[in-house]
């Protein structure tokens, strides 16, 4: 097919503009997959706990930041910044999904969805099972800073976690979990931003069981539930 050379000029310019536009869109922010990644070995739920359902509600995003869609940023050597966002869902749901996966991986039976909960006792719904876990995100970010020689990744996570007895509609335990992660390298990688954020988040979540307090709360709820069944 014969095409006049002049006809190719606007076509070529159009493709070039589209290519440049696509590149700008692609580099306007980084997409990070927020997930629980086991950092250490923890005991699994016993057979008694496996019979009861734990619901994990969406966390309320209470971070004192202007843009709550952001979960991090890259600061280049020239001072320019590119933000990072959660790839699949808003931060509150992403944190809940990570915590839900934590319970599932350790043998607990988890509620199918991620309900909304305002952390009040009157807001608890009986269909959620035996226990509902929710809370607030007070800090959740990863910052990558570049200079001419090194790249530093710093992640910080702070969660306020609330446990409640669903059937009694009673809050039993509240705790703040904190963790951080730092890594230095010679070049930037989006994957490393994601790894450091997930490492800090996972270490914070695993602190739920660094003592026996949560275990005792779960045992109390199980005992009350068993007594009600026997009556």
C-alpha atoms as a PDB file:
ATOM      1  CA  UNK A   1       0.000   0.000   0.000  1.00  0.00           C
ATOM      2  CA  UNK A   2       1.351   3.461  -0.933  1.00  0.00           C
ATOM      3  CA  UNK A   3       1.227   6.174   1.732  1.00  0.00           C
ATOM      4  CA  UNK A   4       2.213   9.766   1.094  1.00  0.00           C
ATOM      5  CA  UNK A   5       5.198  10.794   3.230  1.00  0.00           C
ATOM      6  CA  UNK A   6       3.388  13.910   4.464  1.00  0.00           C
ATOM      7  CA  UNK A   7       0.620  11.715   5.866  1.00  0.00           C
ATOM      8  CA  UNK A   8       3.168   9.906   8.020  1.00  0.00           C
ATOM      9  CA  UNK A   9       4.245  13.083   9.840  1.00  0.00           C
ATOM     10  CA  UNK A  10       1.092  13.668  11.927  1.00  0.00           C
ATOM     11  CA  UNK A  11       0.810   9.933  12.560  1.00  0.00           C
ATOM     12  CA  UNK A  12       4.393   9.752  13.807  1.00  0.00           C
ATOM     13  CA  UNK A  13       3.957  12.833  15.990  1.00  0.00           C
ATOM     14  CA  UNK A  14       0.746  11.412  17.399  1.00  0.00           C
ATOM     15  CA  UNK A  15       2.409   8.108  18.331  1.00  0.00           C
ATOM     16  CA  UNK A  16       5.340   9.963  19.891  1.00  0.00           C
ATOM     17  CA  UNK A  17       2.997  12.110  22.006  1.00  0.00           C
ATOM     18  CA  UNK A  18       1.074   9.039  23.111  1.00  0.00           C
ATOM     19  CA  UNK A  19       4.314   7.298  24.049  1.00  0.00           C
ATOM     20  CA  UNK A  20       5.548  10.267  26.066  1.00  0.00           C
ATOM     21  CA  UNK A  21       2.157  10.655  27.734  1.00  0.00           C
ATOM     22  CA  UNK A  22       2.115   6.969  28.666  1.00  0.00           C
ATOM     23  CA  UNK A  23       5.598   7.206  30.136  1.00  0.00           C
ATOM     24  CA  UNK A  24       4.570  10.182  32.276  1.00  0.00           C
ATOM     25  CA  UNK A  25       1.507   8.366  33.539  1.00  0.00           C
ATOM     26  CA  UNK A  26       3.595   5.303  34.329  1.00  0.00           C
ATOM     27  CA  UNK A  27       6.201   7.231  36.332  1.00  0.00           C
ATOM     28  CA  UNK A  28       3.785   9.544  38.190  1.00  0.00           C
ATOM     29  CA  UNK A  29       3.660   7.125  41.150  1.00  0.00           C
ATOM     30  CA  UNK A  30       4.736   3.651  42.225  1.00  0.00           C
ATOM     31  CA  UNK A  31       2.253   0.872  42.945  1.00  0.00           C
ATOM     32  CA  UNK A  32       3.120  -1.299  45.948  1.00  0.00           C
ATOM     33  CA  UNK A  33       1.426  -4.560  46.896  1.00  0.00           C
ATOM     34  CA  UNK A  34       0.792  -4.512  50.660  1.00  0.00           C
ATOM     35  CA  UNK A  35       0.916  -7.989  52.188  1.00  0.00           C
ATOM     36  CA  UNK A  36       1.826 -10.054  55.221  1.00  0.00           C
ATOM     37  CA  UNK A  37       5.207 -11.735  54.713  1.00  0.00           C
ATOM     38  CA  UNK A  38       6.187 -14.064  57.615  1.00  0.00           C
ATOM     39  CA  UNK A  39       9.260 -12.823  59.462  1.00  0.00           C
ATOM     40  CA  UNK A  40       9.484 -15.562  62.090  1.00  0.00           C
ATOM     41  CA  UNK A  41       7.864 -18.838  63.127  1.00  0.00           C
ATOM     42  CA  UNK A  42       4.905 -18.522  65.480  1.00  0.00           C
ATOM     43  CA  UNK A  43       2.654 -21.203  67.059  1.00  0.00           C
ATOM     44  CA  UNK A  44      -0.541 -22.108  65.219  1.00  0.00           C
ATOM     45  CA  UNK A  45      -4.071 -22.069  66.611  1.00  0.00           C
ATOM     46  CA  UNK A  46      -5.110 -25.139  68.540  1.00  0.00           C
ATOM     47  CA  UNK A  47      -8.149 -27.233  67.623  1.00  0.00           C
ATOM     48  CA  UNK A  48     -10.398 -25.296  70.005  1.00  0.00           C
ATOM     49  CA  UNK A  49      -9.595 -21.926  68.435  1.00  0.00           C
ATOM     50  CA  UNK A  50      -9.986 -23.320  64.916  1.00  0.00           C
ATOM     51  CA  UNK A  51     -13.693 -23.911  65.573  1.00  0.00           C
ATOM     52  CA  UNK A  52     -14.404 -20.191  65.988  1.00  0.00           C
ATOM     53  CA  UNK A  53     -14.407 -17.417  63.401  1.00  0.00           C
ATOM     54  CA  UNK A  54     -12.225 -14.298  63.614  1.00  0.00           C
ATOM     55  CA  UNK A  55     -13.262 -11.275  61.549  1.00  0.00           C
ATOM     56  CA  UNK A  56     -10.729  -8.606  60.623  1.00  0.00           C
ATOM     57  CA  UNK A  57     -12.331  -5.229  59.925  1.00  0.00           C
ATOM     58  CA  UNK A  58     -10.939  -2.516  57.679  1.00  0.00           C
ATOM     59  CA  UNK A  59      -8.537  -0.307  59.610  1.00  0.00           C
ATOM     60  CA  UNK A  60      -9.412   3.364  59.970  1.00  0.00           C
ATOM     61  CA  UNK A  61      -6.762   5.547  58.357  1.00  0.00           C
ATOM     62  CA  UNK A  62      -5.876   8.123  61.006  1.00  0.00           C
ATOM     63  CA  UNK A  63      -2.484   9.163  59.670  1.00  0.00           C
ATOM     64  CA  UNK A  64      -1.829  12.913  60.059  1.00  0.00           C
ATOM     65  CA  UNK A  65      -0.900  13.335  56.397  1.00  0.00           C
ATOM     66  CA  UNK A  66      -2.479  15.448  53.621  1.00  0.00           C
ATOM     67  CA  UNK A  67      -2.727  12.549  51.142  1.00  0.00           C
ATOM     68  CA  UNK A  68      -3.951   9.287  52.658  1.00  0.00           C
ATOM     69  CA  UNK A  69      -3.780   7.460  49.341  1.00  0.00           C
ATOM     70  CA  UNK A  70       0.025   7.610  49.631  1.00  0.00           C
ATOM     71  CA  UNK A  71       1.941   4.931  51.521  1.00  0.00           C
ATOM     72  CA  UNK A  72       5.399   6.189  50.672  1.00  0.00           C
ATOM     73  CA  UNK A  73       7.570   8.173  48.320  1.00  0.00           C
ATOM     74  CA  UNK A  74      10.853   8.221  46.465  1.00  0.00           C
ATOM     75  CA  UNK A  75      12.999  11.314  46.961  1.00  0.00           C
ATOM     76  CA  UNK A  76      15.488  11.666  44.101  1.00  0.00           C
ATOM     77  CA  UNK A  77      18.923  13.258  44.375  1.00  0.00           C
ATOM     78  CA  UNK A  78      17.578  16.448  42.746  1.00  0.00           C
ATOM     79  CA  UNK A  79      14.900  16.765  45.453  1.00  0.00           C
ATOM     80  CA  UNK A  80      11.963  15.733  43.271  1.00  0.00           C
ATOM     81  CA  UNK A  81       9.473  13.260  44.720  1.00  0.00           C
ATOM     82  CA  UNK A  82       7.345  10.427  43.345  1.00  0.00           C
ATOM     83  CA  UNK A  83       4.685   8.986  45.640  1.00  0.00           C
ATOM     84  CA  UNK A  84       3.867   5.328  46.206  1.00  0.00           C
ATOM     85  CA  UNK A  85       0.304   4.011  46.525  1.00  0.00           C
ATOM     86  CA  UNK A  86      -1.317   0.720  47.472  1.00  0.00           C
ATOM     87  CA  UNK A  87      -1.757  -1.324  44.323  1.00  0.00           C
ATOM     88  CA  UNK A  88      -4.971  -3.258  44.956  1.00  0.00           C
ATOM     89  CA  UNK A  89      -7.010  -1.497  47.657  1.00  0.00           C
ATOM     90  CA  UNK A  90      -7.022   1.514  50.011  1.00  0.00           C
ATOM     91  CA  UNK A  91      -4.487   1.382  52.884  1.00  0.00           C
ATOM     92  CA  UNK A  92      -7.120   0.555  55.543  1.00  0.00           C
ATOM     93  CA  UNK A  93      -8.333  -2.486  53.652  1.00  0.00           C
ATOM     94  CA  UNK A  94      -4.798  -3.491  52.663  1.00  0.00           C
ATOM     95  CA  UNK A  95      -3.664  -3.582  56.306  1.00  0.00           C
ATOM     96  CA  UNK A  96      -6.763  -5.586  57.249  1.00  0.00           C
ATOM     97  CA  UNK A  97      -6.112  -8.057  54.424  1.00  0.00           C
ATOM     98  CA  UNK A  98      -2.524  -8.506  55.642  1.00  0.00           C
ATOM     99  CA  UNK A  99      -3.674  -9.139  59.215  1.00  0.00           C
ATOM    100  CA  UNK A 100      -6.395 -11.490  58.012  1.00  0.00           C
ATOM    101  CA  UNK A 101      -3.763 -13.471  56.097  1.00  0.00           C
ATOM    102  CA  UNK A 102      -1.639 -13.576  59.252  1.00  0.00           C
ATOM    103  CA  UNK A 103      -4.439 -15.271  61.209  1.00  0.00           C
ATOM    104  CA  UNK A 104      -5.230 -17.627  58.317  1.00  0.00           C
ATOM    105  CA  UNK A 105      -1.614 -18.707  57.928  1.00  0.00           C
ATOM    106  CA  UNK A 106      -1.477 -19.565  61.632  1.00  0.00           C
ATOM    107  CA  UNK A 107      -4.457 -21.871  61.529  1.00  0.00           C
ATOM    108  CA  UNK A 108      -7.317 -19.592  62.564  1.00  0.00           C
ATOM    109  CA  UNK A 109     -10.699 -19.641  60.844  1.00  0.00           C
ATOM    110  CA  UNK A 110     -11.275 -16.207  59.330  1.00  0.00           C
ATOM    111  CA  UNK A 111     -14.434 -14.395  58.291  1.00  0.00           C
ATOM    112  CA  UNK A 112     -14.851 -14.218  54.522  1.00  0.00           C
ATOM    113  CA  UNK A 113     -15.102 -10.466  54.022  1.00  0.00           C
ATOM    114  CA  UNK A 114     -13.490  -7.342  55.442  1.00  0.00           C
ATOM    115  CA  UNK A 115     -16.306  -5.478  57.223  1.00  0.00           C
ATOM    116  CA  UNK A 116     -16.341  -1.815  58.184  1.00  0.00           C
ATOM    117  CA  UNK A 117     -16.185  -1.143  61.932  1.00  0.00           C
ATOM    118  CA  UNK A 118     -16.074   2.201  63.755  1.00  0.00           C
ATOM    119  CA  UNK A 119     -14.423   0.534  66.811  1.00  0.00           C
ATOM    120  CA  UNK A 120     -17.486   1.119  68.987  1.00  0.00           C
ATOM    121  CA  UNK A 121     -19.209  -1.709  70.842  1.00  0.00           C
ATOM    122  CA  UNK A 122     -22.592  -0.793  69.372  1.00  0.00           C
ATOM    123  CA  UNK A 123     -21.123  -1.102  65.883  1.00  0.00           C
ATOM    124  CA  UNK A 124     -20.287  -4.805  66.288  1.00  0.00           C
ATOM    125  CA  UNK A 125     -22.440  -7.167  64.191  1.00  0.00           C
ATOM    126  CA  UNK A 126     -23.210 -10.689  65.409  1.00  0.00           C
ATOM    127  CA  UNK A 127     -22.675 -12.219  61.947  1.00  0.00           C
ATOM    128  CA  UNK A 128     -18.923 -11.561  62.237  1.00  0.00           C
ATOM    129  CA  UNK A 129     -18.272 -14.716  64.255  1.00  0.00           C
ATOM    130  CA  UNK A 130     -16.564 -14.954  67.636  1.00  0.00           C
ATOM    131  CA  UNK A 131     -13.915 -12.210  67.568  1.00  0.00           C
ATOM    132  CA  UNK A 132     -13.562  -9.011  65.585  1.00  0.00           C
ATOM    133  CA  UNK A 133     -10.183  -7.329  65.187  1.00  0.00           C
ATOM    134  CA  UNK A 134      -9.929  -3.765  63.910  1.00  0.00           C
ATOM    135  CA  UNK A 135      -8.072  -0.585  64.633  1.00  0.00           C
ATOM    136  CA  UNK A 136      -6.427   2.587  63.391  1.00  0.00           C
ATOM    137  CA  UNK A 137      -3.458   3.193  61.136  1.00  0.00           C
ATOM    138  CA  UNK A 138      -1.312   5.814  62.852  1.00  0.00           C
ATOM    139  CA  UNK A 139       1.715   5.413  60.585  1.00  0.00           C
ATOM    140  CA  UNK A 140       2.281   3.456  57.364  1.00  0.00           C
ATOM    141  CA  UNK A 141       4.987   4.603  54.981  1.00  0.00           C
ATOM    142  CA  UNK A 142       8.182   3.762  53.158  1.00  0.00           C
ATOM    143  CA  UNK A 143      10.571   6.489  52.013  1.00  0.00           C
ATOM    144  CA  UNK A 144      13.375   5.924  49.542  1.00  0.00           C
ATOM    145  CA  UNK A 145      16.041   8.641  49.534  1.00  0.00           C
ATOM    146  CA  UNK A 146      18.694   8.764  46.815  1.00  0.00           C
ATOM    147  CA  UNK A 147      22.012  10.573  46.737  1.00  0.00           C
ATOM    148  CA  UNK A 148      24.921  10.181  44.353  1.00  0.00           C
ATOM    149  CA  UNK A 149      26.340   7.127  46.122  1.00  0.00           C
ATOM    150  CA  UNK A 150      23.570   5.310  47.965  1.00  0.00           C
ATOM    151  CA  UNK A 151      19.855   4.626  48.157  1.00  0.00           C
ATOM    152  CA  UNK A 152      18.262   4.358  51.609  1.00  0.00           C
ATOM    153  CA  UNK A 153      14.883   2.736  52.251  1.00  0.00           C
ATOM    154  CA  UNK A 154      13.119   3.510  55.538  1.00  0.00           C
ATOM    155  CA  UNK A 155       9.727   2.029  56.482  1.00  0.00           C
ATOM    156  CA  UNK A 156       7.624   2.862  59.535  1.00  0.00           C
ATOM    157  CA  UNK A 157       4.411   1.224  60.758  1.00  0.00           C
ATOM    158  CA  UNK A 158       2.302   1.995  63.814  1.00  0.00           C
ATOM    159  CA  UNK A 159      -1.102   0.369  64.321  1.00  0.00           C
ATOM    160  CA  UNK A 160      -3.622   0.659  67.132  1.00  0.00           C
ATOM    161  CA  UNK A 161      -5.329  -2.734  67.285  1.00  0.00           C
ATOM    162  CA  UNK A 162      -8.641  -3.483  69.022  1.00  0.00           C
ATOM    163  CA  UNK A 163     -10.013  -6.942  69.918  1.00  0.00           C
ATOM    164  CA  UNK A 164     -13.702  -7.423  70.745  1.00  0.00           C
ATOM    165  CA  UNK A 165     -16.034 -10.253  71.710  1.00  0.00           C
ATOM    166  CA  UNK A 166     -18.644 -10.283  68.940  1.00  0.00           C
ATOM    167  CA  UNK A 167     -21.461 -12.068  70.750  1.00  0.00           C
ATOM    168  CA  UNK A 168     -21.186  -9.966  73.925  1.00  0.00           C
ATOM    169  CA  UNK A 169     -20.432  -6.798  71.883  1.00  0.00           C
ATOM    170  CA  UNK A 170     -17.615  -6.013  74.253  1.00  0.00           C
ATOM    171  CA  UNK A 171     -14.140  -4.580  73.623  1.00  0.00           C
ATOM    172  CA  UNK A 172     -11.588  -6.634  75.550  1.00  0.00           C
ATOM    173  CA  UNK A 173      -8.135  -5.505  74.505  1.00  0.00           C
ATOM    174  CA  UNK A 174      -6.404  -2.578  72.802  1.00  0.00           C
ATOM    175  CA  UNK A 175      -2.759  -2.422  71.874  1.00  0.00           C
ATOM    176  CA  UNK A 176      -0.370  -0.310  69.798  1.00  0.00           C
ATOM    177  CA  UNK A 177       2.018  -2.174  67.488  1.00  0.00           C
ATOM    178  CA  UNK A 178       5.099  -0.468  66.076  1.00  0.00           C
ATOM    179  CA  UNK A 179       7.901  -1.521  63.788  1.00  0.00           C
ATOM    180  CA  UNK A 180      10.434  -0.075  61.371  1.00  0.00           C
ATOM    181  CA  UNK A 181      12.809  -1.284  58.693  1.00  0.00           C
ATOM    182  CA  UNK A 182      15.893   0.250  57.062  1.00  0.00           C
ATOM    183  CA  UNK A 183      17.901  -0.925  54.062  1.00  0.00           C
ATOM    184  CA  UNK A 184      20.733   0.621  52.040  1.00  0.00           C
ATOM    185  CA  UNK A 185      21.759  -0.218  48.492  1.00  0.00           C
ATOM    186  CA  UNK A 186      23.501   1.303  45.498  1.00  0.00           C
ATOM    187  CA  UNK A 187      20.444   1.538  43.231  1.00  0.00           C
ATOM    188  CA  UNK A 188      16.708   2.098  43.388  1.00  0.00           C
ATOM    189  CA  UNK A 189      14.179  -0.733  43.048  1.00  0.00           C
ATOM    190  CA  UNK A 190      10.402  -0.490  43.414  1.00  0.00           C
ATOM    191  CA  UNK A 191      10.423  -4.077  44.644  1.00  0.00           C
ATOM    192  CA  UNK A 192      12.711  -3.104  47.525  1.00  0.00           C
ATOM    193  CA  UNK A 193      10.317  -0.327  48.601  1.00  0.00           C
ATOM    194  CA  UNK A 194       7.578  -2.944  48.715  1.00  0.00           C
ATOM    195  CA  UNK A 195       9.740  -5.441  50.616  1.00  0.00           C
ATOM    196  CA  UNK A 196      10.747  -2.956  53.300  1.00  0.00           C
ATOM    197  CA  UNK A 197       7.184  -1.739  53.849  1.00  0.00           C
ATOM    198  CA  UNK A 198       5.867  -5.298  54.093  1.00  0.00           C
ATOM    199  CA  UNK A 199       8.692  -6.316  56.421  1.00  0.00           C
ATOM    200  CA  UNK A 200       7.845  -3.484  58.820  1.00  0.00           C
ATOM    201  CA  UNK A 201       4.109  -4.214  58.605  1.00  0.00           C
ATOM    202  CA  UNK A 202       4.601  -7.948  59.125  1.00  0.00           C
ATOM    203  CA  UNK A 203       6.924  -7.464  62.113  1.00  0.00           C
ATOM    204  CA  UNK A 204       4.331  -5.161  63.683  1.00  0.00           C
ATOM    205  CA  UNK A 205       1.530  -7.686  63.150  1.00  0.00           C
ATOM    206  CA  UNK A 206       3.590 -10.529  64.584  1.00  0.00           C
ATOM    207  CA  UNK A 207       4.046  -8.542  67.799  1.00  0.00           C
ATOM    208  CA  UNK A 208       0.429  -9.442  68.582  1.00  0.00           C
ATOM    209  CA  UNK A 209       1.743 -12.747  69.894  1.00  0.00           C
ATOM    210  CA  UNK A 210       5.051 -11.693  71.437  1.00  0.00           C
ATOM    211  CA  UNK A 211       3.394 -12.209  74.839  1.00  0.00           C
ATOM    212  CA  UNK A 212       0.347 -14.186  76.039  1.00  0.00           C
ATOM    213  CA  UNK A 213      -2.142 -11.300  76.322  1.00  0.00           C
ATOM    214  CA  UNK A 214      -3.910 -11.887  73.000  1.00  0.00           C
ATOM    215  CA  UNK A 215      -3.896 -15.623  73.655  1.00  0.00           C
ATOM    216  CA  UNK A 216      -5.610 -15.055  76.997  1.00  0.00           C
ATOM    217  CA  UNK A 217      -8.216 -12.792  75.396  1.00  0.00           C
ATOM    218  CA  UNK A 218      -9.010 -15.458  72.807  1.00  0.00           C
ATOM    219  CA  UNK A 219      -9.188 -18.141  75.489  1.00  0.00           C
ATOM    220  CA  UNK A 220     -11.589 -15.993  77.534  1.00  0.00           C
ATOM    221  CA  UNK A 221     -13.900 -15.495  74.570  1.00  0.00           C
ATOM    222  CA  UNK A 222     -13.770 -19.213  73.764  1.00  0.00           C
ATOM    223  CA  UNK A 223     -14.606 -20.149  77.366  1.00  0.00           C
ATOM    224  CA  UNK A 224     -17.595 -17.776  77.476  1.00  0.00           C
ATOM    225  CA  UNK A 225     -18.827 -19.120  74.154  1.00  0.00           C
ATOM    226  CA  UNK A 226     -18.555 -22.716  75.393  1.00  0.00           C
ATOM    227  CA  UNK A 227     -20.491 -21.891  78.576  1.00  0.00           C
ATOM    228  CA  UNK A 228     -23.293 -20.320  76.558  1.00  0.00           C
ATOM    229  CA  UNK A 229     -23.542 -23.389  74.359  1.00  0.00           C
ATOM    230  CA  UNK A 230     -23.809 -25.700  77.403  1.00  0.00           C
ATOM    231  CA  UNK A 231     -26.635 -23.674  78.981  1.00  0.00           C
END
